[in-house]
Amino acid sequence: ATTKLVDELSLTIETPARGEVFKSNGDRVIEFRPKSDGKRLDKEKFRQDFSRALLTQDKEVILAVSNIKAKGSVNKYGIYALLGEGVSYFHHSIPGRIRNLTLASSRTSGVLVPPGEIYSFNKSVGDISAQTGYDAAYIIKDGRTVLGAGGGVCQVSTTIFRAVLNAGLPVIKRTAHAYRVGYYEENSPVGLDATVFQPSVDFQFKNDTSGYILVQSE
């Protein structure tokens, strides 16, 4: 139960450091700048504090959250060129689905992945629910197509997956949809999709380069 609570809190609290390219020439990045710091939950300290609160019947647990500082110097990031690109189409999507994928796209854009670190789509996008602004749209659940909050978000994880493949980066975690979805085959061979379902089903890749990687959507 504690592990599930920690996972849910992580999705709500943790955010990666972010940056943005604001001037480019084709695939060359001319100007890049840090945008915002990230946040990380001290999971072990929370578990200890939570267990102590249960034993002492304390009604309040203060979350230990630390900042992930975005470096002030642009040169330390090494963001200078396009490493890989992924493209997907969403023609004929219902308005709720378009809203959801647009929202998820904006919330994953600008994430900085440090050298040697693993990128998590779920941590990048944050909580996916009606409370965080997502509409009901069609999702695949238990092998069936049903309405659920956040339908269409998998379009974003799928597109990032394609960019990662084109960049030649190691994929750590990727799950295919339960069955084929037409949206993901409009401009792509079968099998280049990546579904997500919080908190257990995630898309992850590793930055095995010596520099930072910027995930940016358009």
N, C-alpha and C. Protein backbone atom coordinates (compact mmCIF):
# COMPACT_ATOMS: atom_id res chain seq x y z
N ALA A 1 0.83 -1.20 0.00
CA ALA A 1 0.00 0.00 0.00
C ALA A 1 0.87 1.26 0.00
N THR A 2 1.97 1.22 0.78
CA THR A 2 2.86 2.38 0.83
C THR A 2 3.51 2.62 -0.52
N THR A 3 3.91 1.54 -1.20
CA THR A 3 4.54 1.67 -2.52
C THR A 3 3.59 2.33 -3.51
N LYS A 4 2.31 1.94 -3.49
CA LYS A 4 1.32 2.55 -4.38
C LYS A 4 1.16 4.03 -4.07
N LEU A 5 1.13 4.37 -2.78
CA LEU A 5 1.00 5.77 -2.37
C LEU A 5 2.20 6.58 -2.84
N VAL A 6 3.40 6.03 -2.69
CA VAL A 6 4.61 6.72 -3.13
C VAL A 6 4.59 6.95 -4.64
N ASP A 7 4.15 5.93 -5.40
CA ASP A 7 4.07 6.07 -6.85
C ASP A 7 3.09 7.17 -7.25
N GLU A 8 1.95 7.22 -6.57
CA GLU A 8 0.95 8.25 -6.88
C GLU A 8 1.46 9.64 -6.54
N LEU A 9 2.16 9.77 -5.40
CA LEU A 9 2.72 11.06 -5.01
C LEU A 9 3.81 11.50 -5.99
N SER A 10 4.61 10.54 -6.45
CA SER A 10 5.68 10.86 -7.39
C SER A 10 5.11 11.46 -8.67
N LEU A 11 4.01 10.88 -9.17
CA LEU A 11 3.39 11.39 -10.39
C LEU A 11 2.88 12.81 -10.20
N THR A 12 2.41 13.10 -9.00
CA THR A 12 1.85 14.42 -8.71
C THR A 12 2.93 15.47 -8.48
N ILE A 13 4.04 15.06 -7.83
CA ILE A 13 5.04 16.01 -7.35
C ILE A 13 6.24 16.14 -8.28
N GLU A 14 6.77 15.00 -8.71
CA GLU A 14 8.06 15.03 -9.41
C GLU A 14 7.93 15.61 -10.81
N THR A 15 8.82 16.54 -11.12
CA THR A 15 8.89 17.13 -12.46
C THR A 15 10.35 17.26 -12.86
N PRO A 16 10.69 16.94 -14.11
CA PRO A 16 12.08 17.09 -14.56
C PRO A 16 12.41 18.55 -14.82
N ALA A 17 13.70 18.88 -14.80
CA ALA A 17 14.13 20.21 -15.21
C ALA A 17 13.80 20.40 -16.69
N ARG A 18 13.52 21.63 -17.07
CA ARG A 18 13.09 21.89 -18.45
C ARG A 18 13.88 23.02 -19.10
N GLY A 19 13.94 22.97 -20.42
CA GLY A 19 14.58 24.02 -21.19
C GLY A 19 13.83 24.22 -22.49
N GLU A 20 14.31 25.12 -23.32
CA GLU A 20 13.62 25.36 -24.59
C GLU A 20 14.59 25.89 -25.65
N VAL A 21 14.36 25.45 -26.87
CA VAL A 21 15.07 26.00 -28.03
C VAL A 21 14.24 27.17 -28.53
N PHE A 22 14.83 28.35 -28.62
CA PHE A 22 14.03 29.46 -29.11
C PHE A 22 14.62 30.09 -30.37
N LYS A 23 15.65 29.47 -30.91
CA LYS A 23 16.11 29.88 -32.23
C LYS A 23 16.85 28.69 -32.86
N SER A 24 16.45 28.33 -34.08
CA SER A 24 17.11 27.22 -34.76
C SER A 24 17.20 27.51 -36.25
N ASN A 25 18.09 26.79 -36.90
CA ASN A 25 18.26 26.90 -38.35
C ASN A 25 18.27 25.49 -38.91
N GLY A 26 17.10 25.02 -39.36
CA GLY A 26 16.99 23.63 -39.78
C GLY A 26 17.17 22.72 -38.58
N ASP A 27 18.11 21.79 -38.66
CA ASP A 27 18.38 20.87 -37.56
C ASP A 27 19.37 21.43 -36.55
N ARG A 28 19.94 22.59 -36.84
CA ARG A 28 20.91 23.20 -35.94
C ARG A 28 20.23 24.10 -34.92
N VAL A 29 20.57 23.92 -33.66
CA VAL A 29 20.05 24.78 -32.59
C VAL A 29 21.02 25.93 -32.40
N ILE A 30 20.52 27.14 -32.59
CA ILE A 30 21.37 28.33 -32.48
C ILE A 30 21.32 28.90 -31.07
N GLU A 31 20.13 28.93 -30.48
CA GLU A 31 20.01 29.46 -29.11
C GLU A 31 19.10 28.56 -28.28
N PHE A 32 19.59 28.20 -27.10
CA PHE A 32 18.86 27.35 -26.15
C PHE A 32 18.98 27.99 -24.77
N ARG A 33 17.96 27.83 -23.95
CA ARG A 33 18.04 28.37 -22.59
C ARG A 33 17.34 27.46 -21.60
N PRO A 34 17.85 27.39 -20.37
CA PRO A 34 17.13 26.69 -19.30
C PRO A 34 15.82 27.41 -19.01
N LYS A 35 14.80 26.66 -18.65
CA LYS A 35 13.48 27.26 -18.46
C LYS A 35 13.01 27.17 -17.01
N SER A 36 13.08 25.97 -16.41
CA SER A 36 12.61 25.82 -15.03
C SER A 36 13.29 24.64 -14.35
N ASP A 37 13.41 24.74 -13.02
CA ASP A 37 13.97 23.66 -12.23
C ASP A 37 12.96 22.51 -12.13
N GLY A 38 13.44 21.34 -11.77
CA GLY A 38 12.57 20.20 -11.53
C GLY A 38 12.43 19.94 -10.04
N LYS A 39 11.62 18.96 -9.69
CA LYS A 39 11.42 18.58 -8.30
C LYS A 39 11.50 17.07 -8.17
N ARG A 40 12.04 16.60 -7.03
CA ARG A 40 12.15 15.16 -6.78
C ARG A 40 11.70 14.86 -5.36
N LEU A 41 10.89 13.82 -5.22
CA LEU A 41 10.42 13.37 -3.91
C LEU A 41 11.45 12.44 -3.29
N ASP A 42 11.82 12.68 -2.03
CA ASP A 42 12.70 11.77 -1.29
C ASP A 42 11.84 10.61 -0.80
N LYS A 43 11.78 9.55 -1.61
CA LYS A 43 10.86 8.45 -1.35
C LYS A 43 11.18 7.72 -0.06
N GLU A 44 12.45 7.48 0.21
CA GLU A 44 12.83 6.72 1.40
C GLU A 44 12.48 7.50 2.67
N LYS A 45 12.74 8.81 2.65
CA LYS A 45 12.40 9.63 3.83
C LYS A 45 10.89 9.67 4.05
N PHE A 46 10.13 9.74 2.93
CA PHE A 46 8.68 9.75 3.07
C PHE A 46 8.19 8.44 3.69
N ARG A 47 8.74 7.30 3.23
CA ARG A 47 8.34 6.01 3.80
C ARG A 47 8.61 5.96 5.30
N GLN A 48 9.77 6.46 5.70
CA GLN A 48 10.12 6.48 7.12
C GLN A 48 9.19 7.39 7.91
N ASP A 49 8.95 8.60 7.40
CA ASP A 49 8.07 9.55 8.08
C ASP A 49 6.64 9.04 8.14
N PHE A 50 6.19 8.39 7.05
CA PHE A 50 4.82 7.87 7.00
C PHE A 50 4.64 6.73 8.00
N SER A 51 5.63 5.83 8.07
CA SER A 51 5.56 4.72 9.02
C SER A 51 5.57 5.23 10.46
N ARG A 52 6.39 6.24 10.70
CA ARG A 52 6.45 6.83 12.03
C ARG A 52 5.11 7.48 12.40
N ALA A 53 4.48 8.14 11.42
CA ALA A 53 3.20 8.79 11.68
C ALA A 53 2.11 7.77 12.00
N LEU A 54 2.15 6.62 11.33
CA LEU A 54 1.17 5.57 11.62
C LEU A 54 1.32 5.04 13.04
N LEU A 55 2.58 4.90 13.48
CA LEU A 55 2.84 4.37 14.82
C LEU A 55 2.47 5.36 15.92
N THR A 56 2.71 6.64 15.63
CA THR A 56 2.47 7.68 16.65
C THR A 56 1.12 8.36 16.48
N GLN A 57 0.38 7.95 15.41
CA GLN A 57 -0.93 8.52 15.09
C GLN A 57 -0.86 10.02 14.78
N ASP A 58 0.28 10.46 14.25
CA ASP A 58 0.38 11.83 13.77
C ASP A 58 -0.54 12.00 12.56
N LYS A 59 -1.14 13.17 12.46
CA LYS A 59 -2.09 13.40 11.37
C LYS A 59 -1.46 14.16 10.20
N GLU A 60 -0.17 14.46 10.31
CA GLU A 60 0.47 15.25 9.26
C GLU A 60 1.85 14.67 8.95
N VAL A 61 2.14 14.51 7.64
CA VAL A 61 3.46 14.09 7.18
C VAL A 61 3.92 15.14 6.17
N ILE A 62 5.06 15.74 6.45
CA ILE A 62 5.61 16.75 5.55
C ILE A 62 6.46 16.06 4.49
N LEU A 63 6.16 16.32 3.23
CA LEU A 63 6.87 15.68 2.13
C LEU A 63 8.24 16.33 1.94
N ALA A 64 9.26 15.48 1.84
CA ALA A 64 10.62 15.96 1.60
C ALA A 64 10.84 16.04 0.09
N VAL A 65 10.84 17.26 -0.42
CA VAL A 65 10.98 17.48 -1.86
C VAL A 65 12.23 18.33 -2.11
N SER A 66 13.09 17.87 -3.02
CA SER A 66 14.29 18.63 -3.35
C SER A 66 14.21 19.14 -4.78
N ASN A 67 14.90 20.24 -5.05
CA ASN A 67 14.93 20.83 -6.39
C ASN A 67 15.98 20.16 -7.26
N ILE A 68 15.64 19.98 -8.54
CA ILE A 68 16.62 19.57 -9.54
C ILE A 68 16.99 20.84 -10.29
N LYS A 69 18.14 21.38 -9.99
CA LYS A 69 18.51 22.70 -10.49
C LYS A 69 18.80 22.68 -11.98
N ALA A 70 18.15 23.57 -12.70
CA ALA A 70 18.47 23.77 -14.12
C ALA A 70 19.71 24.64 -14.19
N LYS A 71 20.76 24.15 -14.82
CA LYS A 71 22.02 24.90 -14.90
C LYS A 71 21.81 26.23 -15.61
N GLY A 72 22.48 27.24 -15.13
CA GLY A 72 22.35 28.56 -15.72
C GLY A 72 23.14 28.73 -17.01
N SER A 73 24.22 27.95 -17.14
CA SER A 73 25.08 28.09 -18.31
C SER A 73 24.56 27.22 -19.46
N VAL A 74 24.29 27.84 -20.57
CA VAL A 74 23.78 27.12 -21.73
C VAL A 74 24.81 26.09 -22.23
N ASN A 75 26.08 26.44 -22.19
CA ASN A 75 27.12 25.59 -22.75
C ASN A 75 27.23 24.23 -22.06
N LYS A 76 26.80 24.14 -20.81
CA LYS A 76 26.91 22.89 -20.08
C LYS A 76 25.91 21.84 -20.56
N TYR A 77 24.90 22.25 -21.27
CA TYR A 77 23.90 21.31 -21.76
C TYR A 77 24.31 20.66 -23.07
N GLY A 78 24.95 21.39 -23.94
CA GLY A 78 25.33 20.84 -25.23
C GLY A 78 24.16 20.59 -26.15
N ILE A 79 23.10 21.40 -26.05
CA ILE A 79 21.95 21.27 -26.96
C ILE A 79 22.28 22.05 -28.23
N TYR A 80 22.64 21.33 -29.28
CA TYR A 80 23.06 22.05 -30.49
C TYR A 80 22.50 21.49 -31.79
N ALA A 81 21.92 20.28 -31.75
CA ALA A 81 21.42 19.71 -33.01
C ALA A 81 20.27 18.75 -32.74
N LEU A 82 19.47 18.51 -33.78
CA LEU A 82 18.38 17.56 -33.70
C LEU A 82 18.94 16.14 -33.73
N LEU A 83 18.65 15.36 -32.69
CA LEU A 83 19.18 14.00 -32.59
C LEU A 83 18.26 12.99 -33.27
N GLY A 84 16.95 13.17 -33.12
CA GLY A 84 15.99 12.27 -33.74
C GLY A 84 14.61 12.88 -33.70
N GLU A 85 13.76 12.50 -34.63
CA GLU A 85 12.41 13.08 -34.72
C GLU A 85 11.38 11.97 -34.90
N GLY A 86 10.23 12.12 -34.25
CA GLY A 86 9.12 11.21 -34.43
C GLY A 86 7.89 11.98 -34.88
N VAL A 87 7.11 11.37 -35.77
CA VAL A 87 5.91 12.04 -36.31
C VAL A 87 4.74 11.06 -36.26
N SER A 88 3.56 11.57 -35.89
CA SER A 88 2.34 10.77 -35.99
C SER A 88 1.18 11.71 -36.29
N TYR A 89 0.09 11.15 -36.82
CA TYR A 89 -1.07 11.95 -37.22
C TYR A 89 -2.30 11.58 -36.40
N PHE A 90 -3.20 12.55 -36.25
CA PHE A 90 -4.42 12.28 -35.49
C PHE A 90 -5.67 12.77 -36.23
N HIS A 91 -5.67 12.61 -37.56
CA HIS A 91 -6.84 12.98 -38.36
C HIS A 91 -8.08 12.24 -37.85
N HIS A 92 -9.22 12.93 -37.86
CA HIS A 92 -10.52 12.36 -37.51
C HIS A 92 -10.67 12.02 -36.01
N SER A 93 -9.74 12.51 -35.19
CA SER A 93 -9.90 12.30 -33.74
C SER A 93 -11.04 13.16 -33.22
N ILE A 94 -11.73 12.66 -32.18
CA ILE A 94 -12.78 13.46 -31.56
C ILE A 94 -12.14 14.61 -30.77
N PRO A 95 -12.90 15.70 -30.51
CA PRO A 95 -12.32 16.87 -29.83
C PRO A 95 -11.65 16.55 -28.50
N GLY A 96 -12.25 15.65 -27.72
CA GLY A 96 -11.66 15.31 -26.42
C GLY A 96 -10.29 14.66 -26.58
N ARG A 97 -10.15 13.83 -27.58
CA ARG A 97 -8.86 13.17 -27.83
C ARG A 97 -7.81 14.19 -28.25
N ILE A 98 -8.20 15.12 -29.11
CA ILE A 98 -7.27 16.17 -29.57
C ILE A 98 -6.84 17.03 -28.38
N ARG A 99 -7.79 17.37 -27.51
CA ARG A 99 -7.44 18.15 -26.33
C ARG A 99 -6.43 17.40 -25.46
N ASN A 100 -6.66 16.11 -25.26
CA ASN A 100 -5.79 15.33 -24.39
C ASN A 100 -4.37 15.20 -24.93
N LEU A 101 -4.27 14.90 -26.22
CA LEU A 101 -2.92 14.73 -26.77
C LEU A 101 -2.19 16.07 -26.85
N THR A 102 -2.94 17.15 -27.07
CA THR A 102 -2.33 18.48 -27.08
C THR A 102 -1.83 18.85 -25.70
N LEU A 103 -2.64 18.55 -24.68
CA LEU A 103 -2.26 18.84 -23.29
C LEU A 103 -1.03 18.03 -22.89
N ALA A 104 -1.05 16.73 -23.19
CA ALA A 104 0.09 15.87 -22.84
C ALA A 104 1.34 16.29 -23.59
N SER A 105 1.16 16.70 -24.83
CA SER A 105 2.30 17.14 -25.64
C SER A 105 2.96 18.37 -25.02
N SER A 106 2.14 19.32 -24.55
CA SER A 106 2.69 20.53 -23.94
C SER A 106 3.37 20.23 -22.61
N ARG A 107 2.84 19.26 -21.88
CA ARG A 107 3.38 18.95 -20.56
C ARG A 107 4.65 18.09 -20.61
N THR A 108 4.89 17.43 -21.72
CA THR A 108 6.12 16.67 -21.87
C THR A 108 7.20 17.46 -22.60
N SER A 109 6.83 18.57 -23.19
CA SER A 109 7.78 19.35 -23.96
C SER A 109 8.75 20.11 -23.05
N GLY A 110 10.02 20.12 -23.43
CA GLY A 110 11.02 20.88 -22.69
C GLY A 110 11.76 20.08 -21.64
N VAL A 111 11.45 18.80 -21.49
CA VAL A 111 12.11 17.98 -20.47
C VAL A 111 13.58 17.75 -20.84
N LEU A 112 14.47 17.96 -19.87
CA LEU A 112 15.89 17.74 -20.05
C LEU A 112 16.29 16.41 -19.41
N VAL A 113 16.91 15.55 -20.17
CA VAL A 113 17.34 14.24 -19.67
C VAL A 113 18.86 14.26 -19.52
N PRO A 114 19.38 14.21 -18.28
CA PRO A 114 20.82 14.27 -18.07
C PRO A 114 21.54 13.04 -18.62
N PRO A 115 22.84 13.15 -18.88
CA PRO A 115 23.62 12.00 -19.36
C PRO A 115 23.52 10.82 -18.40
N GLY A 116 23.26 9.63 -18.94
CA GLY A 116 23.19 8.44 -18.12
C GLY A 116 21.88 8.21 -17.42
N GLU A 117 20.95 9.17 -17.49
CA GLU A 117 19.68 9.07 -16.78
C GLU A 117 18.62 8.39 -17.66
N ILE A 118 17.57 7.89 -16.99
CA ILE A 118 16.45 7.25 -17.69
C ILE A 118 15.26 8.21 -17.73
N TYR A 119 14.74 8.43 -18.91
CA TYR A 119 13.55 9.26 -19.10
C TYR A 119 12.31 8.42 -18.88
N SER A 120 11.36 8.94 -18.09
CA SER A 120 10.08 8.28 -17.86
C SER A 120 8.97 9.17 -18.40
N PHE A 121 8.17 8.65 -19.31
CA PHE A 121 7.05 9.42 -19.85
C PHE A 121 6.07 9.78 -18.74
N ASN A 122 5.76 8.83 -17.87
CA ASN A 122 4.78 9.08 -16.81
C ASN A 122 5.23 10.21 -15.89
N LYS A 123 6.51 10.23 -15.53
CA LYS A 123 7.00 11.32 -14.68
C LYS A 123 7.01 12.63 -15.44
N SER A 124 7.31 12.55 -16.72
CA SER A 124 7.38 13.75 -17.55
C SER A 124 6.02 14.41 -17.71
N VAL A 125 4.99 13.61 -17.96
CA VAL A 125 3.66 14.17 -18.24
C VAL A 125 2.90 14.50 -16.96
N GLY A 126 3.22 13.84 -15.84
CA GLY A 126 2.49 14.07 -14.59
C GLY A 126 1.19 13.28 -14.55
N ASP A 127 0.37 13.56 -13.58
CA ASP A 127 -0.88 12.83 -13.37
C ASP A 127 -1.84 13.03 -14.55
N ILE A 128 -2.39 11.94 -15.04
CA ILE A 128 -3.37 11.99 -16.14
C ILE A 128 -4.74 11.65 -15.57
N SER A 129 -5.57 12.65 -15.39
CA SER A 129 -6.90 12.44 -14.81
C SER A 129 -7.78 13.64 -15.15
N ALA A 130 -9.05 13.51 -14.80
CA ALA A 130 -9.97 14.63 -15.01
C ALA A 130 -9.55 15.83 -14.16
N GLN A 131 -8.96 15.56 -12.98
CA GLN A 131 -8.54 16.62 -12.08
C GLN A 131 -7.40 17.46 -12.66
N THR A 132 -6.63 16.88 -13.57
CA THR A 132 -5.52 17.63 -14.16
C THR A 132 -5.86 18.13 -15.57
N GLY A 133 -7.14 18.11 -15.92
CA GLY A 133 -7.59 18.77 -17.14
C GLY A 133 -7.89 17.88 -18.33
N TYR A 134 -7.81 16.56 -18.16
CA TYR A 134 -8.02 15.67 -19.31
C TYR A 134 -9.50 15.33 -19.50
N ASP A 135 -9.90 15.24 -20.75
CA ASP A 135 -11.28 14.89 -21.10
C ASP A 135 -11.42 13.36 -21.24
N ALA A 136 -12.64 12.92 -21.28
CA ALA A 136 -12.92 11.50 -21.55
C ALA A 136 -12.82 11.27 -23.06
N ALA A 137 -12.06 10.25 -23.43
CA ALA A 137 -11.94 9.84 -24.83
C ALA A 137 -11.64 8.35 -24.83
N TYR A 138 -11.59 7.75 -25.99
CA TYR A 138 -11.48 6.29 -26.04
C TYR A 138 -10.08 5.81 -25.68
N ILE A 139 -10.03 4.81 -24.77
CA ILE A 139 -8.80 4.14 -24.38
C ILE A 139 -9.01 2.63 -24.50
N ILE A 140 -7.91 1.89 -24.49
CA ILE A 140 -7.99 0.43 -24.46
C ILE A 140 -7.78 -0.02 -23.02
N LYS A 141 -8.77 -0.69 -22.47
CA LYS A 141 -8.67 -1.17 -21.09
C LYS A 141 -9.24 -2.58 -21.03
N ASP A 142 -8.44 -3.49 -20.48
CA ASP A 142 -8.85 -4.90 -20.37
C ASP A 142 -9.27 -5.48 -21.72
N GLY A 143 -8.56 -5.06 -22.77
CA GLY A 143 -8.82 -5.60 -24.10
C GLY A 143 -10.03 -5.03 -24.80
N ARG A 144 -10.62 -3.95 -24.24
CA ARG A 144 -11.80 -3.35 -24.85
C ARG A 144 -11.60 -1.86 -25.04
N THR A 145 -12.30 -1.28 -26.01
CA THR A 145 -12.27 0.17 -26.23
C THR A 145 -13.37 0.81 -25.40
N VAL A 146 -12.98 1.65 -24.43
CA VAL A 146 -13.95 2.29 -23.54
C VAL A 146 -13.56 3.76 -23.37
N LEU A 147 -14.50 4.55 -22.86
CA LEU A 147 -14.19 5.95 -22.56
C LEU A 147 -13.44 6.05 -21.24
N GLY A 148 -12.40 6.87 -21.23
CA GLY A 148 -11.63 7.08 -20.00
C GLY A 148 -10.88 8.39 -20.08
N ALA A 149 -10.57 8.98 -18.93
CA ALA A 149 -9.84 10.25 -18.89
C ALA A 149 -8.45 10.08 -19.51
N GLY A 150 -8.13 10.95 -20.44
CA GLY A 150 -6.80 10.93 -21.02
C GLY A 150 -6.66 10.13 -22.30
N GLY A 151 -7.77 9.67 -22.87
CA GLY A 151 -7.68 8.96 -24.15
C GLY A 151 -6.98 9.82 -25.19
N GLY A 152 -5.98 9.27 -25.84
CA GLY A 152 -5.20 10.03 -26.82
C GLY A 152 -3.80 10.36 -26.37
N VAL A 153 -3.54 10.24 -25.06
CA VAL A 153 -2.20 10.54 -24.54
C VAL A 153 -1.15 9.61 -25.14
N CYS A 154 -1.57 8.38 -25.46
CA CYS A 154 -0.64 7.40 -26.05
C CYS A 154 -0.12 7.86 -27.41
N GLN A 155 -0.82 8.80 -28.04
CA GLN A 155 -0.31 9.37 -29.29
C GLN A 155 1.03 10.06 -29.02
N VAL A 156 1.14 10.69 -27.85
CA VAL A 156 2.36 11.42 -27.50
C VAL A 156 3.49 10.45 -27.15
N SER A 157 3.20 9.45 -26.32
CA SER A 157 4.24 8.47 -25.98
C SER A 157 4.69 7.70 -27.22
N THR A 158 3.76 7.44 -28.13
CA THR A 158 4.10 6.76 -29.38
C THR A 158 5.04 7.62 -30.22
N THR A 159 4.76 8.91 -30.30
CA THR A 159 5.58 9.80 -31.11
C THR A 159 6.97 9.95 -30.53
N ILE A 160 7.07 10.03 -29.19
CA ILE A 160 8.38 10.09 -28.54
C ILE A 160 9.15 8.79 -28.79
N PHE A 161 8.44 7.65 -28.72
CA PHE A 161 9.06 6.36 -28.99
C PHE A 161 9.71 6.35 -30.38
N ARG A 162 9.03 6.90 -31.36
CA ARG A 162 9.57 6.94 -32.72
C ARG A 162 10.81 7.84 -32.79
N ALA A 163 10.77 8.96 -32.09
CA ALA A 163 11.93 9.84 -32.06
C ALA A 163 13.13 9.14 -31.43
N VAL A 164 12.87 8.39 -30.36
CA VAL A 164 13.93 7.66 -29.66
C VAL A 164 14.54 6.61 -30.58
N LEU A 165 13.70 5.88 -31.32
CA LEU A 165 14.21 4.88 -32.26
C LEU A 165 15.07 5.54 -33.34
N ASN A 166 14.60 6.67 -33.87
CA ASN A 166 15.34 7.36 -34.92
C ASN A 166 16.65 7.95 -34.40
N ALA A 167 16.70 8.23 -33.10
CA ALA A 167 17.92 8.76 -32.49
C ALA A 167 18.89 7.65 -32.11
N GLY A 168 18.42 6.39 -32.13
CA GLY A 168 19.29 5.28 -31.77
C GLY A 168 19.54 5.15 -30.28
N LEU A 169 18.62 5.64 -29.47
CA LEU A 169 18.77 5.57 -28.01
C LEU A 169 18.20 4.26 -27.47
N PRO A 170 18.74 3.74 -26.38
CA PRO A 170 18.24 2.47 -25.82
C PRO A 170 16.85 2.63 -25.22
N VAL A 171 15.93 1.77 -25.61
CA VAL A 171 14.58 1.75 -25.04
C VAL A 171 14.60 0.85 -23.82
N ILE A 172 14.21 1.37 -22.68
CA ILE A 172 14.23 0.62 -21.42
C ILE A 172 12.89 -0.07 -21.16
N LYS A 173 11.81 0.64 -21.46
CA LYS A 173 10.48 0.08 -21.22
C LYS A 173 9.52 0.56 -22.32
N ARG A 174 8.85 -0.39 -22.95
CA ARG A 174 7.88 -0.04 -23.99
C ARG A 174 6.85 -1.16 -24.09
N THR A 175 5.58 -0.79 -24.15
CA THR A 175 4.48 -1.75 -24.25
C THR A 175 3.62 -1.41 -25.46
N ALA A 176 3.32 -2.42 -26.28
CA ALA A 176 2.45 -2.21 -27.43
C ALA A 176 1.00 -2.17 -26.97
N HIS A 177 0.13 -1.55 -27.77
CA HIS A 177 -1.29 -1.58 -27.48
C HIS A 177 -1.83 -3.01 -27.58
N ALA A 178 -2.96 -3.25 -26.94
CA ALA A 178 -3.54 -4.60 -26.92
C ALA A 178 -3.92 -5.06 -28.33
N TYR A 179 -4.26 -4.11 -29.19
CA TYR A 179 -4.53 -4.43 -30.59
C TYR A 179 -4.20 -3.22 -31.45
N ARG A 180 -4.17 -3.41 -32.75
CA ARG A 180 -3.72 -2.36 -33.66
C ARG A 180 -4.68 -1.16 -33.65
N VAL A 181 -4.10 0.04 -33.74
CA VAL A 181 -4.86 1.29 -33.74
C VAL A 181 -4.53 2.04 -35.02
N GLY A 182 -5.57 2.41 -35.75
CA GLY A 182 -5.39 3.03 -37.06
C GLY A 182 -4.56 4.30 -37.05
N TYR A 183 -4.71 5.11 -36.00
CA TYR A 183 -3.97 6.38 -35.93
C TYR A 183 -2.47 6.16 -36.08
N TYR A 184 -1.98 5.06 -35.53
CA TYR A 184 -0.53 4.85 -35.46
C TYR A 184 0.03 4.18 -36.70
N GLU A 185 -0.83 3.94 -37.70
CA GLU A 185 -0.36 3.30 -38.92
C GLU A 185 -0.55 4.20 -40.15
N GLU A 186 -0.94 5.47 -39.90
CA GLU A 186 -1.18 6.38 -41.03
C GLU A 186 0.12 6.73 -41.75
N ASN A 187 1.22 6.81 -41.01
CA ASN A 187 2.50 7.18 -41.63
C ASN A 187 3.62 6.28 -41.12
N SER A 188 3.26 5.07 -40.70
CA SER A 188 4.25 4.22 -40.04
C SER A 188 3.93 2.75 -40.25
N PRO A 189 4.97 1.89 -40.27
CA PRO A 189 4.71 0.45 -40.29
C PRO A 189 4.03 0.01 -39.00
N VAL A 190 3.47 -1.18 -39.01
CA VAL A 190 2.83 -1.74 -37.82
C VAL A 190 3.87 -1.97 -36.73
N GLY A 191 3.50 -1.65 -35.49
CA GLY A 191 4.37 -1.98 -34.36
C GLY A 191 5.17 -0.84 -33.79
N LEU A 192 5.05 0.37 -34.36
CA LEU A 192 5.82 1.50 -33.84
C LEU A 192 4.93 2.36 -32.94
N ASP A 193 4.35 1.72 -31.93
CA ASP A 193 3.49 2.42 -30.97
C ASP A 193 3.97 2.11 -29.56
N ALA A 194 3.59 2.95 -28.62
CA ALA A 194 3.97 2.75 -27.21
C ALA A 194 2.84 3.25 -26.33
N THR A 195 2.15 2.33 -25.68
CA THR A 195 1.04 2.73 -24.82
C THR A 195 1.54 3.04 -23.41
N VAL A 196 0.78 3.83 -22.68
CA VAL A 196 1.06 4.12 -21.26
C VAL A 196 -0.25 3.99 -20.48
N PHE A 197 -0.13 3.56 -19.24
CA PHE A 197 -1.29 3.48 -18.35
C PHE A 197 -0.75 3.59 -16.93
N GLN A 198 -1.01 4.74 -16.31
CA GLN A 198 -0.42 5.01 -15.00
C GLN A 198 -1.03 4.16 -13.90
N PRO A 199 -0.20 3.76 -12.89
CA PRO A 199 1.23 4.08 -12.78
C PRO A 199 2.15 2.99 -13.32
N SER A 200 1.61 1.86 -13.74
CA SER A 200 2.46 0.69 -14.02
C SER A 200 3.02 0.63 -15.43
N VAL A 201 2.25 1.05 -16.43
CA VAL A 201 2.71 0.94 -17.82
C VAL A 201 3.32 2.28 -18.24
N ASP A 202 4.60 2.26 -18.56
CA ASP A 202 5.35 3.48 -18.83
C ASP A 202 6.16 3.31 -20.10
N PHE A 203 6.57 4.42 -20.70
CA PHE A 203 7.57 4.37 -21.76
C PHE A 203 8.83 5.03 -21.23
N GLN A 204 9.95 4.33 -21.36
CA GLN A 204 11.22 4.84 -20.83
C GLN A 204 12.35 4.61 -21.83
N PHE A 205 13.28 5.57 -21.87
CA PHE A 205 14.51 5.37 -22.64
C PHE A 205 15.68 5.91 -21.83
N LYS A 206 16.88 5.48 -22.19
CA LYS A 206 18.08 5.93 -21.49
C LYS A 206 18.88 6.89 -22.35
N ASN A 207 19.36 7.94 -21.74
CA ASN A 207 20.28 8.84 -22.42
C ASN A 207 21.69 8.27 -22.25
N ASP A 208 22.16 7.56 -23.26
CA ASP A 208 23.50 6.96 -23.18
C ASP A 208 24.55 7.83 -23.87
N THR A 209 24.20 9.13 -24.09
CA THR A 209 25.17 10.05 -24.68
C THR A 209 25.90 10.80 -23.55
N SER A 210 26.87 11.59 -23.93
CA SER A 210 27.66 12.35 -22.95
C SER A 210 27.05 13.72 -22.65
N GLY A 211 25.98 14.09 -23.35
CA GLY A 211 25.35 15.39 -23.15
C GLY A 211 23.89 15.27 -22.77
N TYR A 212 23.27 16.38 -22.45
CA TYR A 212 21.83 16.41 -22.15
C TYR A 212 21.02 16.17 -23.42
N ILE A 213 19.83 15.61 -23.25
CA ILE A 213 18.88 15.47 -24.35
C ILE A 213 17.64 16.30 -24.00
N LEU A 214 17.17 17.08 -24.95
CA LEU A 214 15.97 17.88 -24.77
C LEU A 214 14.81 17.22 -25.53
N VAL A 215 13.72 16.96 -24.83
CA VAL A 215 12.51 16.42 -25.47
C VAL A 215 11.59 17.60 -25.76
N GLN A 216 11.32 17.84 -27.02
CA GLN A 216 10.52 19.00 -27.39
C GLN A 216 9.44 18.61 -28.39
N SER A 217 8.22 19.09 -28.16
CA SER A 217 7.09 18.72 -29.02
C SER A 217 6.66 19.90 -29.89
N GLU A 218 5.98 19.56 -30.95
CA GLU A 218 5.46 20.58 -31.86
C GLU A 218 4.17 20.10 -32.46
